[in-house]
Amino acid sequence: MLEKLKELICQYVEVEPEDITEESRFIEDLGFNSYDIMCMLGDAETEFDVEIEEEEIMKCKTVGDLLDYFGGQE
């Protein structure tokens, strides 16, 4: 799942997949803005077949947080 998430992230920000870790923070480390995050999350819903609750997803600050969130949805 991490590799697919890296592919999605790279569609929105200019970062190399090998530079993305579970500790990478979306805004501070990867350069996302709030619009990019919401667009990427929409694509992630489709890619991972999950439903994202906006209140809960806003707590996800790192790639690892998002993976944990998706894992709890399966």
Protein backbone atom coordinates (compact mmCIF):
# COMPACT_ATOMS: atom_id res chain seq x y z
CA MET A 1 0.00 0.00 0.00
CA LEU A 2 2.91 2.37 0.70
CA GLU A 3 4.19 2.11 -2.87
CA LYS A 4 0.76 2.96 -4.33
CA LEU A 5 0.43 5.88 -1.94
CA LYS A 6 3.88 7.13 -3.00
CA GLU A 7 2.71 7.03 -6.64
CA LEU A 8 -0.34 9.13 -5.74
CA ILE A 9 1.75 11.61 -3.77
CA CYS A 10 4.14 12.06 -6.70
CA GLN A 11 1.22 13.06 -8.92
CA TYR A 12 0.62 16.10 -6.73
CA VAL A 13 4.03 17.28 -5.53
CA GLU A 14 7.50 17.24 -7.01
CA VAL A 15 9.25 14.69 -4.83
CA GLU A 16 11.00 11.45 -5.63
CA PRO A 17 9.28 8.26 -4.40
CA GLU A 18 12.45 7.14 -2.64
CA ASP A 19 12.38 10.36 -0.59
CA ILE A 20 8.93 9.55 0.84
CA THR A 21 8.86 7.67 4.14
CA GLU A 22 6.14 6.88 6.63
CA GLU A 23 7.50 9.75 8.74
CA SER A 24 7.16 12.28 5.88
CA ARG A 25 4.78 15.10 6.79
CA PHE A 26 2.47 16.16 3.98
CA ILE A 27 2.80 19.92 4.37
CA GLU A 28 6.17 20.45 6.01
CA ASP A 29 8.21 17.75 4.23
CA LEU A 30 6.40 17.05 0.96
CA GLY A 31 5.14 20.54 0.14
CA PHE A 32 1.40 19.84 -0.07
CA ASN A 33 -1.12 22.63 0.26
CA SER A 34 -4.63 21.97 1.56
CA TYR A 35 -6.15 21.83 -1.93
CA ASP A 36 -3.59 19.27 -3.12
CA ILE A 37 -4.21 17.14 -0.04
CA MET A 38 -7.97 17.07 -0.60
CA CYS A 39 -7.53 16.17 -4.29
CA MET A 40 -5.03 13.43 -3.46
CA LEU A 41 -7.36 12.04 -0.80
CA GLY A 42 -10.19 11.87 -3.34
CA ASP A 43 -7.98 9.79 -5.61
CA ALA A 44 -6.90 7.66 -2.63
CA GLU A 45 -10.55 6.85 -1.85
CA THR A 46 -10.90 5.40 -5.33
CA GLU A 47 -7.49 3.70 -5.41
CA PHE A 48 -7.83 2.00 -2.01
CA ASP A 49 -11.62 1.58 -2.03
CA VAL A 50 -12.09 3.37 1.29
CA GLU A 51 -14.39 6.11 2.46
CA ILE A 52 -12.57 9.00 4.06
CA GLU A 53 -14.23 10.94 6.86
CA GLU A 54 -13.00 14.52 6.67
CA GLU A 55 -12.88 15.04 10.45
CA GLU A 56 -10.77 11.93 10.97
CA ILE A 57 -8.48 12.42 8.00
CA MET A 58 -7.47 15.90 9.18
CA LYS A 59 -5.66 14.19 12.07
CA CYS A 60 -3.33 12.48 9.57
CA LYS A 61 -0.17 14.56 9.40
CA THR A 62 2.26 11.96 8.03
CA VAL A 63 2.26 9.29 5.34
CA GLY A 64 2.30 6.68 8.11
CA ASP A 65 -0.78 8.24 9.75
CA LEU A 66 -2.62 7.95 6.45
CA LEU A 67 -1.55 4.34 5.97
CA ASP A 68 -2.77 3.54 9.49
CA TYR A 69 -6.08 5.24 8.70
CA PHE A 70 -6.52 3.23 5.51
CA GLY A 71 -5.54 0.02 7.30
CA GLY A 72 -8.30 0.61 9.82
CA GLN A 73 -10.82 1.01 7.01
CA GLU A 74 -10.23 -2.39 5.43
